[in-house]
Amino acid sequence: MGIQDKHWAKEIITRTKKRDNVINSRFIKKKINRLTNNIAQASATITNLQVQLSTYWTQATAATINSTTTAIAPATNT
């Protein structure tokens, strides 16, 4: 909301100046709901990215440990 509509606060002020309280309340509730939805969506995106990053680091660490132990382990001849 703030990124796409940089003047959303100004929009609220100009749109609510000349209207009655019922219409203003409805308008403000819609804006708050949109902002709340945007926050929830951003939070879900962040959580998803955190999971992906954690999975990546787990796999990268496991691969590094496996390659290190393979290089260090002595060869066994039977």
C-alpha atoms as a PDB file:
ATOM      1  CA  MET A   1       0.000   0.000   0.000  1.00  0.00           C
ATOM      2  CA  GLY A   2       2.705   2.470   0.958  1.00  0.00           C
ATOM      3  CA  ILE A   3       5.020   1.338  -1.825  1.00  0.00           C
ATOM      4  CA  GLN A   4       2.499   1.352  -4.649  1.00  0.00           C
ATOM      5  CA  ASP A   5       0.373   4.256  -3.442  1.00  0.00           C
ATOM      6  CA  LYS A   6       2.950   6.586  -1.984  1.00  0.00           C
ATOM      7  CA  HIS A   7       0.405   9.205  -1.016  1.00  0.00           C
ATOM      8  CA  TRP A   8      -2.176   6.970   0.643  1.00  0.00           C
ATOM      9  CA  ALA A   9      -2.253   9.123   3.803  1.00  0.00           C
ATOM     10  CA  LYS A  10      -2.925  12.200   1.700  1.00  0.00           C
ATOM     11  CA  GLU A  11      -5.639  10.280  -0.139  1.00  0.00           C
ATOM     12  CA  ILE A  12      -7.334   9.418   3.140  1.00  0.00           C
ATOM     13  CA  ILE A  13      -7.286  13.031   4.299  1.00  0.00           C
ATOM     14  CA  THR A  14      -8.633  14.421   1.039  1.00  0.00           C
ATOM     15  CA  ARG A  15     -11.321  11.760   0.716  1.00  0.00           C
ATOM     16  CA  THR A  16     -12.547  12.065   4.288  1.00  0.00           C
ATOM     17  CA  LYS A  17     -12.712  15.873   4.514  1.00  0.00           C
ATOM     18  CA  LYS A  18     -16.080  16.281   2.840  1.00  0.00           C
ATOM     19  CA  ARG A  19     -17.886  13.084   3.811  1.00  0.00           C
ATOM     20  CA  ASP A  20     -19.994  12.064   6.757  1.00  0.00           C
ATOM     21  CA  ASN A  21     -18.680   9.851   9.539  1.00  0.00           C
ATOM     22  CA  VAL A  22     -20.375   6.646   8.360  1.00  0.00           C
ATOM     23  CA  ILE A  23     -18.789   6.815   4.928  1.00  0.00           C
ATOM     24  CA  ASN A  24     -15.451   7.839   6.453  1.00  0.00           C
ATOM     25  CA  SER A  25     -15.548   4.922   8.882  1.00  0.00           C
ATOM     26  CA  ARG A  26     -16.286   2.480   6.080  1.00  0.00           C
ATOM     27  CA  PHE A  27     -13.499   3.932   3.943  1.00  0.00           C
ATOM     28  CA  ILE A  28     -10.967   3.797   6.786  1.00  0.00           C
ATOM     29  CA  LYS A  29     -11.955   0.216   7.665  1.00  0.00           C
ATOM     30  CA  LYS A  30     -11.347  -0.815   4.054  1.00  0.00           C
ATOM     31  CA  LYS A  31      -7.918   0.824   4.107  1.00  0.00           C
ATOM     32  CA  ILE A  32      -7.052  -0.841   7.420  1.00  0.00           C
ATOM     33  CA  ASN A  33      -8.215  -4.232   6.121  1.00  0.00           C
ATOM     34  CA  ARG A  34      -6.097  -3.831   2.993  1.00  0.00           C
ATOM     35  CA  LEU A  35      -3.074  -2.887   5.089  1.00  0.00           C
ATOM     36  CA  THR A  36      -3.671  -5.830   7.441  1.00  0.00           C
ATOM     37  CA  ASN A  37      -3.928  -8.205   4.477  1.00  0.00           C
ATOM     38  CA  ASN A  38      -0.720  -6.817   2.988  1.00  0.00           C
ATOM     39  CA  ILE A  39       1.065  -7.303   6.307  1.00  0.00           C
ATOM     40  CA  ALA A  40      -0.220 -10.883   6.604  1.00  0.00           C
ATOM     41  CA  GLN A  41       0.866 -11.646   3.044  1.00  0.00           C
ATOM     42  CA  ALA A  42       4.328 -10.167   3.653  1.00  0.00           C
ATOM     43  CA  SER A  43       4.622 -12.166   6.870  1.00  0.00           C
ATOM     44  CA  ALA A  44       3.708 -15.384   5.047  1.00  0.00           C
ATOM     45  CA  THR A  45       6.272 -14.612   2.352  1.00  0.00           C
ATOM     46  CA  ILE A  46       8.962 -13.981   4.964  1.00  0.00           C
ATOM     47  CA  THR A  47       8.128 -17.232   6.761  1.00  0.00           C
ATOM     48  CA  ASN A  48       8.288 -19.160   3.490  1.00  0.00           C
ATOM     49  CA  LEU A  49      11.661 -17.627   2.641  1.00  0.00           C
ATOM     50  CA  GLN A  50      12.968 -18.459   6.119  1.00  0.00           C
ATOM     51  CA  VAL A  51      11.969 -22.093   5.631  1.00  0.00           C
ATOM     52  CA  GLN A  52      13.626 -22.186   2.210  1.00  0.00           C
ATOM     53  CA  LEU A  53      16.811 -20.644   3.597  1.00  0.00           C
ATOM     54  CA  SER A  54      16.883 -23.077   6.505  1.00  0.00           C
ATOM     55  CA  THR A  55      16.419 -26.014   4.133  1.00  0.00           C
ATOM     56  CA  TYR A  56      19.173 -24.723   1.860  1.00  0.00           C
ATOM     57  CA  TRP A  57      21.649 -24.294   4.725  1.00  0.00           C
ATOM     58  CA  THR A  58      20.810 -27.721   6.123  1.00  0.00           C
ATOM     59  CA  GLN A  59      21.496 -29.322   2.745  1.00  0.00           C
ATOM     60  CA  ALA A  60      24.618 -27.238   2.125  1.00  0.00           C
ATOM     61  CA  THR A  61      26.020 -28.089   5.556  1.00  0.00           C
ATOM     62  CA  ALA A  62      25.265 -31.788   5.111  1.00  0.00           C
ATOM     63  CA  ALA A  63      26.958 -31.797   1.708  1.00  0.00           C
ATOM     64  CA  THR A  64      30.018 -30.044   3.132  1.00  0.00           C
ATOM     65  CA  ILE A  65      30.247 -32.474   6.051  1.00  0.00           C
ATOM     66  CA  ASN A  66      29.898 -35.473   3.725  1.00  0.00           C
ATOM     67  CA  SER A  67      32.587 -34.245   1.357  1.00  0.00           C
ATOM     68  CA  THR A  68      34.897 -33.390   4.266  1.00  0.00           C
ATOM     69  CA  THR A  69      34.501 -36.772   5.966  1.00  0.00           C
ATOM     70  CA  THR A  70      35.007 -38.562   2.661  1.00  0.00           C
ATOM     71  CA  ALA A  71      38.236 -36.666   2.042  1.00  0.00           C
ATOM     72  CA  ILE A  72      39.511 -37.199   5.601  1.00  0.00           C
ATOM     73  CA  ALA A  73      38.496 -40.835   6.091  1.00  0.00           C
ATOM     74  CA  PRO A  74      41.390 -43.232   5.556  1.00  0.00           C
ATOM     75  CA  ALA A  75      41.094 -45.687   2.728  1.00  0.00           C
ATOM     76  CA  THR A  76      40.414 -49.225   3.846  1.00  0.00           C
ATOM     77  CA  ASN A  77      41.776 -52.124   1.842  1.00  0.00           C
ATOM     78  CA  THR A  78      40.125 -55.472   2.396  1.00  0.00           C
END
